[in-house]
C-alpha cells in the first residue's frame, strides 16, 4: 500500500470512528446518517436500503470517491498530507467545495498581495492553479512552518463557519460543541 492509500485508509477509519454508527437526530437537516453518510448521499450513490443497515464498506467507498478522489485532495496529499487530511475532514463535514474554497481563500490571503503567486478564484475546485499556489506557498514559507500556518488559517475559517451556522439557525447549537470539540485540530 503506497503512502496515499495508507493515508486515506487511516483518514476514513478515523472519520468513521468519530462519526459513529446510525444517527437520526431531529435537529439535523441531513436526516438519518450512518458512519456520517447522509441518506441523500447514500441514495445518490446507489444505496437503497435502510440507513441503519448501510454497510461500512459502502461508506468507505463513498468517502474515498466523493471526499478524496473527486475533489482532488489526493493530489494535495502528494504535496502535504497534513493539509489534505484537513481538507478531507472539513469536506466530509461541510462539503468538499467548501473545504477547497477555504484553501483558496487562505492561500490568497497569504500570498503577500500577489507577490508570491497570483490570487486564486475561490471556485471550490482544485486544479493546476490552486496546486501551483500551494506548491509556491510551501516552497517560500517552508514545509513545516508553512503547513502549520496554513492549517491555522483553514481551522479559523472552519470554526467561524460553525459559529455562523449556529447563529443563523438556533437548532444547530445542539451540534456546535461537538463540531468545535471533534472537528478542529483533529487531524
Protein backbone atom coordinates (compact mmCIF):
# COMPACT_ATOMS: atom_id res chain seq x y z
CA UNK A 1 0.00 0.00 0.00
CA UNK A 2 1.52 3.34 -1.04
CA UNK A 3 1.56 6.40 1.21
CA UNK A 4 -1.55 7.97 -0.37
CA UNK A 5 -3.57 4.77 0.01
CA UNK A 6 -2.43 4.33 3.59
CA UNK A 7 -3.28 7.96 4.38
CA UNK A 8 -6.83 7.80 3.02
CA UNK A 9 -7.44 4.45 4.72
CA UNK A 10 -6.40 5.98 8.07
CA UNK A 11 -8.43 9.15 7.45
CA UNK A 12 -11.58 7.22 6.59
CA UNK A 13 -11.17 4.91 9.61
CA UNK A 14 -10.69 7.91 11.90
CA UNK A 15 -13.66 9.76 10.44
CA UNK A 16 -15.96 6.75 10.76
CA UNK A 17 -14.78 6.32 14.36
CA UNK A 18 -15.67 9.96 15.15
CA UNK A 19 -18.96 9.87 13.26
CA UNK A 20 -20.13 6.62 14.83
CA UNK A 21 -22.97 4.50 13.56
CA UNK A 22 -26.58 5.21 12.78
CA UNK A 23 -27.98 8.57 13.97
CA UNK A 24 -31.33 10.20 13.29
CA UNK A 25 -31.21 13.46 15.29
CA UNK A 26 -34.38 15.53 14.92
CA UNK A 27 -32.43 18.81 14.62
CA UNK A 28 -30.15 17.50 11.86
CA UNK A 29 -31.31 18.77 8.48
CA UNK A 30 -29.32 15.97 6.85
CA UNK A 31 -31.76 13.42 8.22
CA UNK A 32 -30.67 9.88 9.05
CA UNK A 33 -26.95 9.22 8.78
CA UNK A 34 -24.75 6.20 9.21
CA UNK A 35 -20.99 6.45 9.55
CA UNK A 36 -21.50 10.17 8.81
CA UNK A 37 -23.05 9.46 5.39
CA UNK A 38 -26.39 11.18 4.88
CA UNK A 39 -29.32 9.37 3.37
CA UNK A 40 -29.31 11.71 0.34
CA UNK A 41 -25.64 10.96 -0.39
CA UNK A 42 -26.14 7.21 0.07
CA UNK A 43 -29.15 7.23 -2.27
CA UNK A 44 -27.33 9.32 -4.87
CA UNK A 45 -24.65 6.65 -4.94
CA UNK A 46 -26.94 3.67 -5.32
CA UNK A 47 -27.63 2.51 -1.78
CA UNK A 48 -31.35 1.76 -1.46
CA UNK A 49 -31.61 0.00 1.89
CA UNK A 50 -32.37 1.33 5.34
CA UNK A 51 -29.75 3.80 6.56
CA UNK A 52 -29.39 1.86 9.79
CA UNK A 53 -28.05 -1.04 7.70
CA UNK A 54 -25.64 0.90 5.45
CA UNK A 55 -22.59 -1.35 5.14
CA UNK A 56 -19.35 0.14 6.41
CA UNK A 57 -17.68 -0.79 3.13
CA UNK A 58 -20.21 1.31 1.22
CA UNK A 59 -19.45 4.29 3.47
CA UNK A 60 -15.71 3.78 2.87
CA UNK A 61 -16.26 3.72 -0.90
CA UNK A 62 -18.35 6.91 -0.76
CA UNK A 63 -15.76 8.75 1.36
CA UNK A 64 -12.91 7.73 -0.94
CA UNK A 65 -14.71 8.68 -4.13
CA UNK A 66 -16.66 11.82 -3.13
CA UNK A 67 -14.47 13.31 -0.43
CA UNK A 68 -10.95 12.34 -1.56
CA UNK A 69 -10.54 11.49 -5.25
CA UNK A 70 -13.22 13.65 -6.89
CA UNK A 71 -12.18 16.91 -5.14
CA UNK A 72 -8.52 16.05 -5.87
CA UNK A 73 -7.45 16.02 -2.23
CA UNK A 74 -5.30 13.05 -3.22
CA UNK A 75 -3.25 15.50 -5.32
CA UNK A 76 -2.93 17.85 -2.35
CA UNK A 77 -1.66 14.86 -0.33
CA UNK A 78 1.33 14.47 -2.66
CA UNK A 79 2.34 17.95 -1.51
CA UNK A 80 1.16 17.93 2.11
CA UNK A 81 -0.59 15.08 3.88
CA UNK A 82 -1.48 17.45 6.77
CA UNK A 83 -3.31 19.89 4.50
CA UNK A 84 -5.00 17.07 2.57
CA UNK A 85 -6.13 15.48 5.83
CA UNK A 86 -7.66 18.74 6.99
CA UNK A 87 -9.41 19.27 3.64
CA UNK A 88 -10.80 15.72 3.72
CA UNK A 89 -12.20 16.09 7.23
CA UNK A 90 -13.68 19.52 6.54
CA UNK A 91 -15.01 18.34 3.18
CA UNK A 92 -16.73 15.33 4.72
CA UNK A 93 -18.47 17.62 7.19
CA UNK A 94 -19.16 20.75 5.13
CA UNK A 95 -18.71 19.59 1.55
CA UNK A 96 -15.50 19.34 -0.50
CA UNK A 97 -16.26 22.60 -2.32
CA UNK A 98 -16.38 24.48 0.99
CA UNK A 99 -13.08 22.93 2.13
CA UNK A 100 -11.45 23.80 -1.19
CA UNK A 101 -12.78 27.36 -1.02
CA UNK A 102 -11.22 27.68 2.44
CA UNK A 103 -7.87 26.58 0.96
CA UNK A 104 -8.16 29.03 -1.92
CA UNK A 105 -9.13 31.92 0.36
CA UNK A 106 -6.30 31.17 2.79
CA UNK A 107 -3.69 30.86 0.04
CA UNK A 108 -4.83 34.15 -1.48
CA UNK A 109 -4.72 35.93 1.87
CA UNK A 110 -1.20 34.56 2.43
CA UNK A 111 0.30 35.50 -0.97
CA UNK A 112 1.62 38.90 0.18
CA UNK A 113 -0.61 40.90 -2.14
CA UNK A 114 0.17 38.71 -5.12
CA UNK A 115 3.96 38.96 -4.78
CA UNK A 116 4.38 35.21 -4.15
CA UNK A 117 1.77 33.90 -6.62
CA UNK A 118 -1.43 35.26 -8.16
CA UNK A 119 -4.69 35.49 -6.23
CA UNK A 120 -6.92 32.46 -6.59
CA UNK A 121 -10.55 32.47 -7.66
CA UNK A 122 -12.38 30.79 -4.76
CA UNK A 123 -14.36 28.46 -7.02
CA UNK A 124 -14.24 25.35 -4.81
CA UNK A 125 -12.32 23.31 -7.41
CA UNK A 126 -8.72 22.18 -7.17
CA UNK A 127 -6.87 22.49 -10.43
CA UNK A 128 -3.37 23.35 -11.62
CA UNK A 129 -3.56 26.98 -10.44
CA UNK A 130 -4.55 26.07 -6.87
CA UNK A 131 -1.96 23.29 -6.74
CA UNK A 132 0.68 25.67 -8.12
CA UNK A 133 -0.15 28.25 -5.45
CA UNK A 134 0.12 25.59 -2.75
CA UNK A 135 3.47 24.45 -4.13
CA UNK A 136 4.77 28.01 -4.22
CA UNK A 137 3.47 28.82 -0.72
CA UNK A 138 5.13 25.73 0.79
CA UNK A 139 8.34 26.42 -1.12
CA UNK A 140 8.56 30.04 0.06
CA UNK A 141 7.34 29.57 3.62
CA UNK A 142 8.95 26.23 4.38
CA UNK A 143 7.12 22.95 4.52
CA UNK A 144 6.72 22.58 8.29
CA UNK A 145 6.10 26.23 9.21
CA UNK A 146 4.03 26.88 6.09
CA UNK A 147 1.83 23.87 6.78
CA UNK A 148 1.29 24.99 10.37
CA UNK A 149 0.24 28.50 9.35
CA UNK A 150 -2.00 27.23 6.56
CA UNK A 151 -3.61 24.72 8.94
CA UNK A 152 -4.37 27.54 11.39
CA UNK A 153 -5.98 29.58 8.62
CA UNK A 154 -8.09 26.61 7.48
CA UNK A 155 -9.23 25.86 11.02
CA UNK A 156 -10.05 29.52 11.66
CA UNK A 157 -12.30 29.56 8.59
CA UNK A 158 -13.92 26.30 9.65
CA UNK A 159 -14.54 27.49 13.22
CA UNK A 160 -16.03 30.75 12.01
CA UNK A 161 -18.41 28.85 9.74
CA UNK A 162 -19.58 26.64 12.61
CA UNK A 163 -20.32 29.70 14.74
CA UNK A 164 -22.17 31.34 11.86
CA UNK A 165 -24.26 28.19 11.30
CA UNK A 166 -25.28 28.16 14.97
CA UNK A 167 -26.08 31.89 14.91
CA UNK A 168 -28.21 31.60 11.76
CA UNK A 169 -30.11 28.51 12.89
CA UNK A 170 -30.51 28.09 16.66
CA UNK A 171 -31.22 24.33 16.25
CA UNK A 172 -27.57 23.99 15.16
CA UNK A 173 -26.49 24.96 18.66
CA UNK A 174 -27.20 21.31 19.51
CA UNK A 175 -24.20 20.41 17.35
CA UNK A 176 -21.84 23.36 17.91
CA UNK A 177 -19.97 21.98 20.92
CA UNK A 178 -19.34 18.66 19.15
CA UNK A 179 -18.26 20.38 15.95
CA UNK A 180 -15.73 22.51 17.80
CA UNK A 181 -14.57 19.63 20.02
CA UNK A 182 -14.33 16.95 17.34
CA UNK A 183 -13.55 18.78 14.12
CA UNK A 184 -10.99 21.48 14.87
CA UNK A 185 -7.37 20.42 15.40
CA UNK A 186 -8.30 16.79 14.99
CA UNK A 187 -6.16 15.72 12.02
